[in-house]
């Protein structure tokens, strides 16, 4: 838990020592819902080619459902949530992700594993903004294949 709080203070903005803006640089994102789908992520980011997604996980979180949408909330310290990791290459792409996720989610720093060479990496993900005890949330899980079938049926 202390690690989550430490990571929460790492986001961009103004550097506390120099008061100079911190230049934007590529950052890894952990996805656990519809953005695990290459077509959906490419559409959101307006990519010309499919993104390269790698299997990944975060520890210390749980999934709850907000209607049909999965949410990431604090969980038992040893709980693992599986998903994918993607390296965002442009600041504009990061803004598109935030717009897609809406203000129902907060962008937070997290440890993502396994990263390059099996090591955990620091990156970002979207977590539920209102906390794990929000009455709008229910127990459940996200089924990517069922989501894809529903998307393709409505297309």
Protein backbone atom coordinates (compact mmCIF):
# COMPACT_ATOMS: atom_id res chain seq x y z
CA UNK A 1 0.00 0.00 0.00
CA UNK A 2 2.81 2.42 0.84
CA UNK A 3 4.23 1.78 -2.63
CA UNK A 4 0.94 2.92 -4.21
CA UNK A 5 1.09 6.18 -2.27
CA UNK A 6 4.72 6.71 -3.26
CA UNK A 7 3.88 6.12 -6.91
CA UNK A 8 0.88 8.42 -6.74
CA UNK A 9 3.25 11.38 -6.31
CA UNK A 10 5.26 10.63 -9.47
CA UNK A 11 2.89 12.06 -12.07
CA UNK A 12 3.97 14.92 -14.38
CA UNK A 13 3.43 18.61 -13.89
CA UNK A 14 5.75 20.98 -12.04
CA UNK A 15 8.95 19.61 -10.55
CA UNK A 16 9.09 20.63 -6.86
CA UNK A 17 12.75 21.65 -6.92
CA UNK A 18 13.19 23.58 -10.14
CA UNK A 19 9.57 24.69 -10.76
CA UNK A 20 10.23 23.93 -14.45
CA UNK A 21 7.65 21.94 -16.41
CA UNK A 22 8.62 18.29 -16.75
CA UNK A 23 8.77 17.39 -20.44
CA UNK A 24 6.37 14.65 -21.52
CA UNK A 25 7.91 11.27 -22.36
CA UNK A 26 6.53 7.87 -23.39
CA UNK A 27 4.82 5.91 -20.62
CA UNK A 28 3.50 2.38 -20.22
CA UNK A 29 -0.23 1.89 -19.57
CA UNK A 30 -1.91 -1.13 -18.05
CA UNK A 31 -5.33 -1.98 -19.54
CA UNK A 32 -7.83 -4.45 -18.10
CA UNK A 33 -11.06 -3.83 -20.05
CA UNK A 34 -12.07 -2.96 -23.61
CA UNK A 35 -8.68 -1.36 -24.30
CA UNK A 36 -7.15 -4.85 -24.18
CA UNK A 37 -8.66 -5.17 -27.67
CA UNK A 38 -6.22 -4.03 -30.36
CA UNK A 39 -8.98 -2.69 -32.63
CA UNK A 40 -10.54 -0.66 -29.83
CA UNK A 41 -7.22 0.82 -28.69
CA UNK A 42 -6.26 1.66 -32.28
CA UNK A 43 -9.63 3.40 -32.75
CA UNK A 44 -9.31 5.42 -29.53
CA UNK A 45 -5.74 6.49 -30.33
CA UNK A 46 -6.41 6.87 -34.08
CA UNK A 47 -3.50 4.58 -34.94
CA UNK A 48 -2.76 3.54 -38.52
CA UNK A 49 -1.64 0.06 -37.50
CA UNK A 50 -2.54 -2.31 -34.66
CA UNK A 51 -0.83 -1.52 -31.35
CA UNK A 52 1.63 -3.94 -29.80
CA UNK A 53 0.11 -5.23 -26.56
CA UNK A 54 1.88 -7.54 -24.12
CA UNK A 55 0.34 -9.63 -21.33
CA UNK A 56 0.78 -7.91 -17.98
CA UNK A 57 -0.59 -7.71 -14.45
CA UNK A 58 -0.89 -5.40 -11.47
CA UNK A 59 -0.87 -6.51 -7.84
CA UNK A 60 -2.92 -5.11 -4.96
CA UNK A 61 -6.03 -4.29 -6.98
CA UNK A 62 -9.37 -5.96 -7.73
CA UNK A 63 -11.92 -5.67 -10.51
CA UNK A 64 -15.48 -4.55 -9.85
CA UNK A 65 -18.11 -3.76 -12.43
CA UNK A 66 -19.81 -0.44 -13.15
CA UNK A 67 -22.67 -1.78 -15.22
CA UNK A 68 -20.90 -3.46 -18.18
CA UNK A 69 -17.60 -1.66 -17.55
CA UNK A 70 -14.77 -3.04 -15.44
CA UNK A 71 -13.21 -0.83 -12.80
CA UNK A 72 -9.93 -1.19 -10.99
CA UNK A 73 -10.20 -0.68 -7.23
CA UNK A 74 -7.92 -1.27 -4.25
CA UNK A 75 -7.83 -4.94 -3.38
CA UNK A 76 -5.95 -7.34 -1.14
CA UNK A 77 -2.21 -6.66 -1.30
CA UNK A 78 -1.55 -10.03 -2.94
CA UNK A 79 -4.45 -9.94 -5.43
CA UNK A 80 -3.42 -10.04 -9.10
CA UNK A 81 -5.36 -8.42 -11.95
CA UNK A 82 -4.36 -9.57 -15.44
CA UNK A 83 -4.48 -7.42 -18.53
CA UNK A 84 -2.09 -5.96 -21.09
CA UNK A 85 0.57 -3.26 -21.21
CA UNK A 86 1.06 -0.73 -24.00
CA UNK A 87 3.67 2.00 -24.35
CA UNK A 88 1.97 5.31 -25.17
CA UNK A 89 4.26 7.25 -27.51
CA UNK A 90 2.49 10.61 -27.77
CA UNK A 91 1.06 13.05 -25.25
CA UNK A 92 -2.01 13.44 -27.46
CA UNK A 93 -2.62 9.69 -27.15
CA UNK A 94 -2.55 9.98 -23.38
CA UNK A 95 -5.20 12.71 -23.59
CA UNK A 96 -7.36 10.52 -25.85
CA UNK A 97 -7.17 7.70 -23.32
CA UNK A 98 -8.32 10.01 -20.52
CA UNK A 99 -11.21 11.26 -22.67
CA UNK A 100 -12.25 7.68 -23.49
CA UNK A 101 -12.18 6.63 -19.84
CA UNK A 102 -14.18 9.70 -18.71
CA UNK A 103 -13.95 11.36 -15.31
CA UNK A 104 -15.39 8.22 -13.70
CA UNK A 105 -11.79 6.98 -13.66
CA UNK A 106 -8.56 8.46 -12.33
CA UNK A 107 -5.24 8.00 -14.07
CA UNK A 108 -2.88 6.58 -11.42
CA UNK A 109 0.69 5.34 -11.29
CA UNK A 110 1.18 1.63 -10.71
CA UNK A 111 3.75 -1.17 -10.89
CA UNK A 112 3.16 -3.30 -13.97
CA UNK A 113 4.61 -6.74 -14.42
CA UNK A 114 6.10 -8.57 -16.01
CA UNK A 115 7.85 -5.90 -18.00
CA UNK A 116 10.98 -6.13 -20.09
CA UNK A 117 13.08 -9.14 -19.09
CA UNK A 118 10.46 -10.19 -16.52
CA UNK A 119 10.95 -7.10 -14.34
CA UNK A 120 8.14 -4.91 -13.06
CA UNK A 121 7.92 -1.44 -14.60
CA UNK A 122 6.32 1.77 -13.40
CA UNK A 123 3.42 2.91 -15.54
CA UNK A 124 -0.12 4.21 -15.41
CA UNK A 125 -3.62 2.78 -15.37
CA UNK A 126 -7.17 3.98 -14.89
CA UNK A 127 -8.75 3.27 -11.50
CA UNK A 128 -12.26 3.96 -10.27
CA UNK A 129 -12.49 7.55 -9.06
CA UNK A 130 -14.99 6.99 -6.23
CA UNK A 131 -13.32 4.13 -4.34
CA UNK A 132 -14.03 0.45 -3.93
CA UNK A 133 -17.07 0.90 -1.64
CA UNK A 134 -19.04 2.92 -4.20
CA UNK A 135 -22.65 1.65 -4.35
CA UNK A 136 -22.60 1.92 -8.14
CA UNK A 137 -20.15 -0.98 -8.30
CA UNK A 138 -20.93 -4.69 -8.19
CA UNK A 139 -18.93 -7.89 -8.02
CA UNK A 140 -18.10 -9.37 -11.40
CA UNK A 141 -15.49 -9.75 -14.09
CA UNK A 142 -14.89 -8.49 -17.61
CA UNK A 143 -15.13 -10.99 -20.48
CA UNK A 144 -13.13 -9.61 -23.42
CA UNK A 145 -14.41 -12.21 -25.88
CA UNK A 146 -18.05 -11.50 -24.97
CA UNK A 147 -17.35 -7.76 -25.32
CA UNK A 148 -15.83 -8.34 -28.79
CA UNK A 149 -18.84 -10.41 -29.90
CA UNK A 150 -21.25 -7.70 -28.73
CA UNK A 151 -19.20 -4.99 -30.46
CA UNK A 152 -18.98 -6.94 -33.72
CA UNK A 153 -22.71 -7.77 -33.65
CA UNK A 154 -23.62 -4.09 -33.37
CA UNK A 155 -21.25 -3.03 -36.18
